[in-house]
Each structure stands twice: as C-alpha cells, then as structure tokens.
C-alpha cells in the first residue's frame, strides 16, 4: 500500500468534510452522530491518504506560552475498513514526532479505560496514564484548570488521561488499590450528597450507599480471584463534571471504577478474565435487588439505576460500568444479564 502522510489543508472545506465523515464512521453509534454534528474545525492535523482518500486522521491543539507549550491530541481515528494494517500506528507516530518538533514541552490526551487499541499507541510512544490532578505540579493549577475545561475532560466519562513530557514524566504510574477505593467512595459520596441532604433518614441512606459501593468493589475483587492475573483497582476520573451536572439536574450518575489487569492481551482467555470482575459485580447487584424486593426496600432506587446503566452499552458514557466487558466476552451471557436486569427493574423493584 502506498500511504501518504501529510498535514491536512485547513483551508479546504472538502478535506474537513471528509475528515468529519471518517470520524463519524470510526466513532460509530451515538458518539458518531455527535462527531458528525459537533466536530470542530481542527487547529492542526495530519492525515494518512490512500488512493486519494483520507483513511486515518490525527488532530491536535496547542496551549500555553512558547516556552511551556502543551500539545493536546484531540482526535485520532482510522477508517474501520483499514484497522489492523498499521496505517493508524504509522500516522500516530508521525503526529507525535511532529508535536515534539514544534517544541512542545508536554503532550496530553485521553482514551476510554478499556480501549486498548487506542491507548497502546500512547504507551508505545512513552506516554503514561495519570490522574488529571497530577498535572498541577507539572504545569500549575491555572493551566490544569484550563486544560480541564478546553479539552472537555470533565465531560468524557470513563476516560483516562495520558501524559508525556520531554525528559520523561515524573509522575507515579499506578496509585495503590486502597487509595483508589477510598477515592471511588469519596467521589461518589460527594455526588450522592444531594440525596444525603434531602433524605430524612440520613443514617439509612449512608448505610445504603456504603453497602452498595463497598460491595461492588469487593465483588469485583472476588471476580479477579478466578484468574491468575495481577490486578489493580482504579477510578477513571474523566467525566466528573458530566456526572455532577446529571446528578443535580436529572438524578444520581456515579463515577465508574473497575479492576484492571496489569497487562493486556488480545486473546479469548483474556476477554473472559477481564469480564469476571464485571460478572461478579453484576451478580452482586442481582442479590441486592432480591434483597430490596423482600426485606430491604430502601435499596431499590439505587439498584435500579446501577442495573440500567450496565445494560446501556450502546451509549458511550455507560460502557465503562462493566457491561461492555461482558458483551465483548460472551454476548449470550450479556443478553441473559440484560433480561434479568429488566425483569428486576420493571417487575420486582
């Protein structure tokens, strides 16, 4: 294949339209529709061209003064018909080299937690996954706040931040499990705060919250015991602003956290293993739903929310609750879990 990698012509409406059309195909489903209608004109971009057709695109923006320039990779995608041919990898590497050549001091981007095909490109180019707040000692509070707003990280539910710096990033790679479980509980307790305030049974509400969320973390851990892999627990901090907006306007939307293996593989055994924590936590919710229908009715509202969210993998924000992992492993099991969840939500709870 004769692939040409070049900068996009930002003054050519036809190329911008072609990139938008390609993005809508690459980000299929609900997010693909959003991409088609909301895709902004890029500030800078590289594309891979095959037979006069754009088949992969790499978009970036630059922030900060010249001596502290930050490169943000806003979009990177490849036509699904050309996945696995190395085109996206070649374009990504060229895009990263270009950003360093522009004298960027740091590069940042974010990817959905289990989107291995995307985040492995970053890891191979010396990026590491970091909590968003860890940028503060690197670039300062005001720049971190600006990046949080302009990159829309606060709206990107279930996404992780990836970071690289000239000379190597001086940031801890993986927080410890207990610290991440504590962060998971504290963040969701803060989101649950309006319910705490509105209820006349504060202690019962607290008991409900901790029963459910501590139980989910423990159930996921039990799921990891059925594999020989090493695991760590992590709160994905992308989308906190979105959860806050939904919580105060519509209803409680919790931040997601999962058990993650230390290494990833593209094998059926791995897809089964990574689904195990999700299966265990979903079974835990089934048990709580049965309890709510009989002796603990105060659990029912929260259980309904969590069961529904695990079924809604067709909408990008909800894939990180664990349902997508089960779907990728065994669609029949996922269908059974959705059917049981629907029966519990509509017939029992």
Protein backbone atom coordinates (compact mmCIF):
# COMPACT_ATOMS: atom_id res chain seq x y z
CA UNK A 1 0.00 0.00 0.00
CA UNK A 2 1.28 3.43 -0.97
CA UNK A 3 0.39 5.54 2.06
CA UNK A 4 0.96 9.28 2.08
CA UNK A 5 1.11 11.07 5.44
CA UNK A 6 0.74 14.82 5.25
CA UNK A 7 -0.68 17.83 7.01
CA UNK A 8 -4.34 18.49 6.30
CA UNK A 9 -5.30 21.57 4.33
CA UNK A 10 -7.22 23.52 6.98
CA UNK A 11 -8.49 25.97 4.35
CA UNK A 12 -10.03 23.22 2.22
CA UNK A 13 -13.69 22.65 3.26
CA UNK A 14 -13.71 19.41 1.30
CA UNK A 15 -10.92 17.89 3.40
CA UNK A 16 -12.56 18.99 6.64
CA UNK A 17 -15.83 17.40 5.48
CA UNK A 18 -14.02 14.18 4.55
CA UNK A 19 -12.38 14.08 8.00
CA UNK A 20 -15.75 14.63 9.68
CA UNK A 21 -17.31 11.84 7.64
CA UNK A 22 -14.45 9.49 8.51
CA UNK A 23 -14.76 10.34 12.22
CA UNK A 24 -18.49 9.59 12.17
CA UNK A 25 -17.71 6.11 10.79
CA UNK A 26 -14.84 5.49 13.20
CA UNK A 27 -16.85 6.60 16.26
CA UNK A 28 -19.95 4.65 15.29
CA UNK A 29 -23.23 4.85 17.18
CA UNK A 30 -24.34 7.76 19.33
CA UNK A 31 -20.89 9.34 19.57
CA UNK A 32 -20.51 9.05 15.81
CA UNK A 33 -23.63 11.17 15.35
CA UNK A 34 -22.28 13.73 17.81
CA UNK A 35 -18.97 13.75 15.97
CA UNK A 36 -20.72 14.46 12.68
CA UNK A 37 -22.68 17.43 14.02
CA UNK A 38 -20.28 18.84 16.63
CA UNK A 39 -16.87 18.18 15.09
CA UNK A 40 -14.97 21.49 15.23
CA UNK A 41 -12.53 22.73 12.64
CA UNK A 42 -9.15 21.36 13.78
CA UNK A 43 -6.31 23.70 14.76
CA UNK A 44 -3.74 21.29 13.35
CA UNK A 45 -3.94 17.85 11.79
CA UNK A 46 -2.12 15.09 9.96
CA UNK A 47 -3.87 12.55 7.75
CA UNK A 48 -2.98 9.28 6.08
CA UNK A 49 -4.11 9.16 2.45
CA UNK A 50 -4.55 6.02 0.35
CA UNK A 51 -5.68 6.27 -3.29
CA UNK A 52 -6.61 9.95 -2.76
CA UNK A 53 -8.85 9.01 0.18
CA UNK A 54 -8.30 10.02 3.81
CA UNK A 55 -8.25 6.78 5.81
CA UNK A 56 -6.80 7.96 9.14
CA UNK A 57 -6.58 11.29 10.95
CA UNK A 58 -4.64 12.81 13.85
CA UNK A 59 -5.87 16.15 15.22
CA UNK A 60 -4.14 18.32 17.79
CA UNK A 61 -4.26 21.70 19.50
CA UNK A 62 -1.53 23.74 21.16
CA UNK A 63 -1.88 25.54 24.50
CA UNK A 64 0.32 27.71 26.67
CA UNK A 65 3.20 30.15 26.00
CA UNK A 66 6.04 29.14 23.66
CA UNK A 67 8.39 28.16 26.50
CA UNK A 68 5.72 25.96 28.17
CA UNK A 69 3.84 24.72 25.13
CA UNK A 70 1.42 21.81 25.64
CA UNK A 71 0.26 19.63 22.77
CA UNK A 72 -3.20 18.11 23.14
CA UNK A 73 -4.12 15.18 20.86
CA UNK A 74 -7.82 15.81 20.48
CA UNK A 75 -8.77 13.05 18.00
CA UNK A 76 -7.05 10.08 16.48
CA UNK A 77 -9.00 7.58 14.39
CA UNK A 78 -8.79 5.22 11.42
CA UNK A 79 -11.39 4.02 8.95
CA UNK A 80 -12.69 0.69 10.39
CA UNK A 81 -12.05 -0.92 6.98
CA UNK A 82 -8.32 -0.32 7.43
CA UNK A 83 -7.88 -1.45 11.04
CA UNK A 84 -5.00 -3.82 11.65
CA UNK A 85 -2.95 -2.68 8.64
CA UNK A 86 -0.56 -0.45 10.57
CA UNK A 87 -1.80 2.77 8.94
CA UNK A 88 -3.07 4.33 12.17
CA UNK A 89 0.13 3.40 14.02
CA UNK A 90 2.30 4.98 11.33
CA UNK A 91 0.23 8.17 11.34
CA UNK A 92 0.17 8.37 15.14
CA UNK A 93 3.94 8.08 15.40
CA UNK A 94 4.41 10.78 12.78
CA UNK A 95 1.94 13.05 14.59
CA UNK A 96 3.75 12.65 17.91
CA UNK A 97 7.13 13.36 16.29
CA UNK A 98 5.64 16.49 14.73
CA UNK A 99 4.40 17.77 18.11
CA UNK A 100 7.81 17.29 19.70
CA UNK A 101 9.34 19.09 16.70
CA UNK A 102 7.02 22.03 17.43
CA UNK A 103 8.93 22.32 20.75
CA UNK A 104 6.05 21.12 22.93
CA UNK A 105 7.20 20.53 26.48
CA UNK A 106 4.35 18.17 27.35
CA UNK A 107 1.77 16.14 25.46
CA UNK A 108 -1.63 15.07 26.80
CA UNK A 109 -4.65 13.16 25.58
CA UNK A 110 -7.34 10.83 26.96
CA UNK A 111 -8.81 7.46 26.00
CA UNK A 112 -11.66 5.30 27.30
CA UNK A 113 -10.40 2.94 30.01
CA UNK A 114 -10.50 -0.39 28.12
CA UNK A 115 -9.92 0.92 24.59
CA UNK A 116 -6.64 -0.96 24.32
CA UNK A 117 -6.21 -0.42 20.57
CA UNK A 118 -6.04 3.34 21.19
CA UNK A 119 -4.14 3.63 24.45
CA UNK A 120 -1.44 1.15 23.45
CA UNK A 121 -0.38 3.65 20.76
CA UNK A 122 0.26 6.17 23.53
CA UNK A 123 2.12 3.70 25.75
CA UNK A 124 4.44 2.73 22.90
CA UNK A 125 5.32 6.41 22.45
CA UNK A 126 6.31 6.79 26.13
CA UNK A 127 3.02 8.14 27.47
CA UNK A 128 1.80 7.06 30.89
CA UNK A 129 -1.70 7.04 32.37
CA UNK A 130 -2.05 9.54 35.20
CA UNK A 131 -4.78 11.14 37.36
CA UNK A 132 -5.76 14.53 35.96
CA UNK A 133 -4.86 16.38 39.16
CA UNK A 134 -1.30 15.10 38.88
CA UNK A 135 -0.82 17.73 36.16
CA UNK A 136 -0.88 20.51 38.77
CA UNK A 137 2.78 20.13 39.88
CA UNK A 138 3.74 19.71 36.23
CA UNK A 139 2.01 22.71 34.64
CA UNK A 140 0.45 24.67 37.53
CA UNK A 141 -3.10 24.96 38.85
CA UNK A 142 -4.42 27.55 36.37
CA UNK A 143 -3.09 25.69 33.32
CA UNK A 144 -4.50 22.42 34.66
CA UNK A 145 -7.89 24.07 35.16
CA UNK A 146 -7.79 25.49 31.65
CA UNK A 147 -6.92 22.10 30.18
CA UNK A 148 -9.78 20.50 32.12
CA UNK A 149 -12.20 22.93 30.52
CA UNK A 150 -10.91 23.29 26.96
CA UNK A 151 -10.18 19.59 26.45
CA UNK A 152 -13.67 18.66 27.78
CA UNK A 153 -12.06 16.01 30.00
CA UNK A 154 -14.75 16.72 32.60
CA UNK A 155 -17.39 15.51 30.13
CA UNK A 156 -15.57 12.40 28.91
CA UNK A 157 -16.95 9.75 31.22
CA UNK A 158 -14.84 6.63 31.75
CA UNK A 159 -11.72 8.13 30.15
CA UNK A 160 -8.15 8.19 31.46
CA UNK A 161 -5.56 10.90 30.92
CA UNK A 162 -2.33 10.01 29.10
CA UNK A 163 0.72 12.23 29.57
CA UNK A 164 4.27 12.57 28.30
CA UNK A 165 6.99 15.15 28.90
CA UNK A 166 10.40 15.93 27.50
CA UNK A 167 12.95 14.22 29.68
CA UNK A 168 10.34 11.75 30.98
CA UNK A 169 7.25 12.35 33.15
CA UNK A 170 7.94 12.39 36.89
CA UNK A 171 4.54 11.02 37.92
CA UNK A 172 3.58 7.84 39.77
CA UNK A 173 2.25 5.31 37.26
CA UNK A 174 -0.30 3.36 39.29
CA UNK A 175 -1.92 4.55 42.56
CA UNK A 176 -2.39 1.86 45.23
CA UNK A 177 -5.63 -0.10 45.44
CA UNK A 178 -6.79 1.13 48.86
CA UNK A 179 -6.22 4.74 47.88
CA UNK A 180 -8.22 4.30 44.69
CA UNK A 181 -11.07 2.53 46.51
CA UNK A 182 -11.16 5.42 49.00
CA UNK A 183 -11.22 7.93 46.12
CA UNK A 184 -14.03 5.93 44.46
CA UNK A 185 -16.11 6.07 47.64
CA UNK A 186 -15.41 9.73 48.40
CA UNK A 187 -16.13 11.00 44.88
CA UNK A 188 -19.38 9.08 44.63
CA UNK A 189 -20.35 10.11 48.16
CA UNK A 190 -19.90 13.75 47.05
CA UNK A 191 -22.12 13.10 44.02
CA UNK A 192 -24.64 11.39 46.31
CA UNK A 193 -24.62 14.42 48.63
CA UNK A 194 -27.93 15.94 47.37
CA UNK A 195 -29.65 12.69 48.30
CA UNK A 196 -27.95 12.67 51.71
CA UNK A 197 -29.20 16.21 52.30
CA UNK A 198 -32.74 15.62 51.02
CA UNK A 199 -33.42 12.46 52.98
CA UNK A 200 -34.98 12.35 56.41
CA UNK A 201 -33.17 9.10 57.15
CA UNK A 202 -29.52 10.10 56.89
CA UNK A 203 -28.03 7.04 58.57
CA UNK A 204 -30.13 4.66 56.49
CA UNK A 205 -29.05 6.48 53.33
CA UNK A 206 -25.40 6.28 54.36
CA UNK A 207 -25.79 2.57 55.06
CA UNK A 208 -27.37 2.09 51.63
CA UNK A 209 -24.60 3.95 49.85
CA UNK A 210 -21.72 2.14 51.53
CA UNK A 211 -23.41 -1.27 51.27
CA UNK A 212 -23.73 -0.86 47.53
CA UNK A 213 -20.41 0.77 46.64
CA UNK A 214 -18.15 -1.10 49.03
CA UNK A 215 -19.93 -4.26 47.96
CA UNK A 216 -19.29 -3.54 44.26
CA UNK A 217 -15.56 -3.10 44.90
CA UNK A 218 -15.39 -6.32 46.93
CA UNK A 219 -17.48 -8.28 44.42
CA UNK A 220 -15.19 -7.16 41.59
CA UNK A 221 -12.18 -8.27 43.61
CA UNK A 222 -13.75 -11.70 44.12
CA UNK A 223 -14.14 -11.89 40.34
CA UNK A 224 -10.39 -11.33 39.89
CA UNK A 225 -9.64 -14.37 42.07
CA UNK A 226 -10.88 -16.66 39.30
CA UNK A 227 -7.92 -15.75 37.11
CA UNK A 228 -4.17 -15.92 37.65
CA UNK A 229 -3.55 -12.34 36.54
CA UNK A 230 -2.36 -9.43 38.67
CA UNK A 231 -4.98 -6.73 39.09
CA UNK A 232 -5.31 -3.18 40.35
CA UNK A 233 -8.36 -1.07 41.18
CA UNK A 234 -8.70 2.33 39.53
CA UNK A 235 -11.16 5.20 39.49
CA UNK A 236 -11.37 6.67 35.99
CA UNK A 237 -11.54 10.40 36.64
CA UNK A 238 -12.79 11.52 33.23
CA UNK A 239 -16.37 12.77 33.20
CA UNK A 240 -16.64 14.01 36.78
CA UNK A 241 -18.17 17.29 35.61
CA UNK A 242 -20.71 15.38 33.49
CA UNK A 243 -21.70 13.23 36.47
CA UNK A 244 -22.08 16.34 38.61
CA UNK A 245 -24.31 18.04 36.03
CA UNK A 246 -26.53 14.98 35.66
CA UNK A 247 -26.72 14.46 39.41
CA UNK A 248 -28.01 17.97 40.15
CA UNK A 249 -30.38 18.12 37.16
CA UNK A 250 -31.64 14.60 36.43
CA UNK A 251 -30.51 12.14 39.06
CA UNK A 252 -27.52 10.36 40.56
CA UNK A 253 -24.93 9.21 38.00
CA UNK A 254 -21.93 7.58 39.74
CA UNK A 255 -18.34 7.72 38.60
CA UNK A 256 -17.05 4.40 37.33
CA UNK A 257 -14.19 2.35 38.70
CA UNK A 258 -13.01 -1.10 37.74
CA UNK A 259 -10.46 -3.78 38.43
CA UNK A 260 -7.85 -3.74 35.67
CA UNK A 261 -5.22 -6.35 34.78
CA UNK A 262 -1.64 -5.15 34.81
CA UNK A 263 -1.09 -6.43 31.27
CA UNK A 264 -3.49 -6.71 28.33
CA UNK A 265 -3.72 -9.40 25.65
CA UNK A 266 -5.80 -9.86 22.52
CA UNK A 267 -6.98 -13.40 23.33
CA UNK A 268 -10.32 -15.08 24.13
CA UNK A 269 -8.96 -16.12 27.55
CA UNK A 270 -8.13 -12.52 28.37
CA UNK A 271 -11.60 -11.30 27.34
CA UNK A 272 -13.07 -13.91 29.65
CA UNK A 273 -10.77 -12.89 32.53
CA UNK A 274 -11.41 -9.16 32.22
CA UNK A 275 -15.15 -9.84 32.20
CA UNK A 276 -15.01 -11.74 35.51
CA UNK A 277 -15.00 -8.66 37.84
CA UNK A 278 -17.93 -7.22 35.86
CA UNK A 279 -19.83 -10.52 36.10
CA UNK A 280 -19.23 -10.73 39.86
CA UNK A 281 -20.34 -7.12 40.48
CA UNK A 282 -23.45 -7.59 38.34
CA UNK A 283 -24.35 -10.77 40.25
CA UNK A 284 -23.89 -8.77 43.47
CA UNK A 285 -26.44 -6.25 42.18
CA UNK A 286 -28.84 -9.12 41.42
CA UNK A 287 -28.50 -10.32 45.01
CA UNK A 288 -29.11 -6.80 46.31
CA UNK A 289 -32.14 -6.45 44.05
CA UNK A 290 -33.61 -9.65 45.50
CA UNK A 291 -32.95 -8.32 49.00
CA UNK A 292 -34.54 -4.98 48.12
CA UNK A 293 -37.65 -6.72 46.83
CA UNK A 294 -38.08 -8.60 50.09
CA UNK A 295 -36.57 -7.12 53.26
CA UNK A 296 -34.54 -4.02 52.27
CA UNK A 297 -36.78 -1.85 50.05
CA UNK A 298 -34.63 1.24 50.72
CA UNK A 299 -32.01 -0.21 48.35
CA UNK A 300 -34.33 -0.39 45.35
CA UNK A 301 -33.86 3.07 43.81
CA UNK A 302 -30.07 2.93 43.71
CA UNK A 303 -30.04 -0.68 42.47
CA UNK A 304 -32.38 0.24 39.60
CA UNK A 305 -30.01 2.96 38.45
CA UNK A 306 -26.93 0.73 38.53
CA UNK A 307 -28.64 -2.16 36.74
CA UNK A 308 -29.93 0.08 33.95
CA UNK A 309 -26.54 1.72 33.41
CA UNK A 310 -24.82 -1.65 32.97
CA UNK A 311 -27.23 -2.54 30.17
CA UNK A 312 -26.76 0.68 28.18
CA UNK A 313 -23.53 -0.14 26.35
CA UNK A 314 -24.91 1.34 23.12
CA UNK A 315 -24.28 4.79 24.64
CA UNK A 316 -20.58 5.63 25.05
CA UNK A 317 -20.76 7.04 28.60
CA UNK A 318 -22.10 3.78 30.02
CA UNK A 319 -19.61 1.32 28.52
CA UNK A 320 -17.24 1.79 31.45
CA UNK A 321 -19.67 0.38 34.04
CA UNK A 322 -18.67 -3.15 33.01
CA UNK A 323 -21.39 -4.27 30.64
CA UNK A 324 -19.15 -3.80 27.60
CA UNK A 325 -16.60 -6.21 29.05
CA UNK A 326 -19.21 -8.94 29.33
CA UNK A 327 -20.57 -8.20 25.85
CA UNK A 328 -17.07 -8.46 24.33
CA UNK A 329 -16.52 -11.79 26.07
CA UNK A 330 -19.87 -13.53 25.61
CA UNK A 331 -22.87 -11.87 24.00
CA UNK A 332 -25.23 -14.61 25.20
CA UNK A 333 -24.25 -14.03 28.85
CA UNK A 334 -24.70 -10.30 28.34
CA UNK A 335 -28.18 -10.86 26.87
CA UNK A 336 -29.17 -13.04 29.85
CA UNK A 337 -27.91 -10.41 32.32
CA UNK A 338 -29.84 -7.68 30.49
CA UNK A 339 -33.02 -9.80 30.58
CA UNK A 340 -32.64 -10.48 34.31
CA UNK A 341 -31.92 -6.80 34.96
CA UNK A 342 -35.01 -5.74 33.02
CA UNK A 343 -37.16 -8.19 34.97
CA UNK A 344 -35.79 -6.97 38.28
CA UNK A 345 -36.15 -3.29 37.38
CA UNK A 346 -39.65 -3.42 35.90
CA UNK A 347 -41.28 -6.36 37.67
CA UNK A 348 -39.78 -6.53 41.16
CA UNK A 349 -38.12 -3.30 42.26
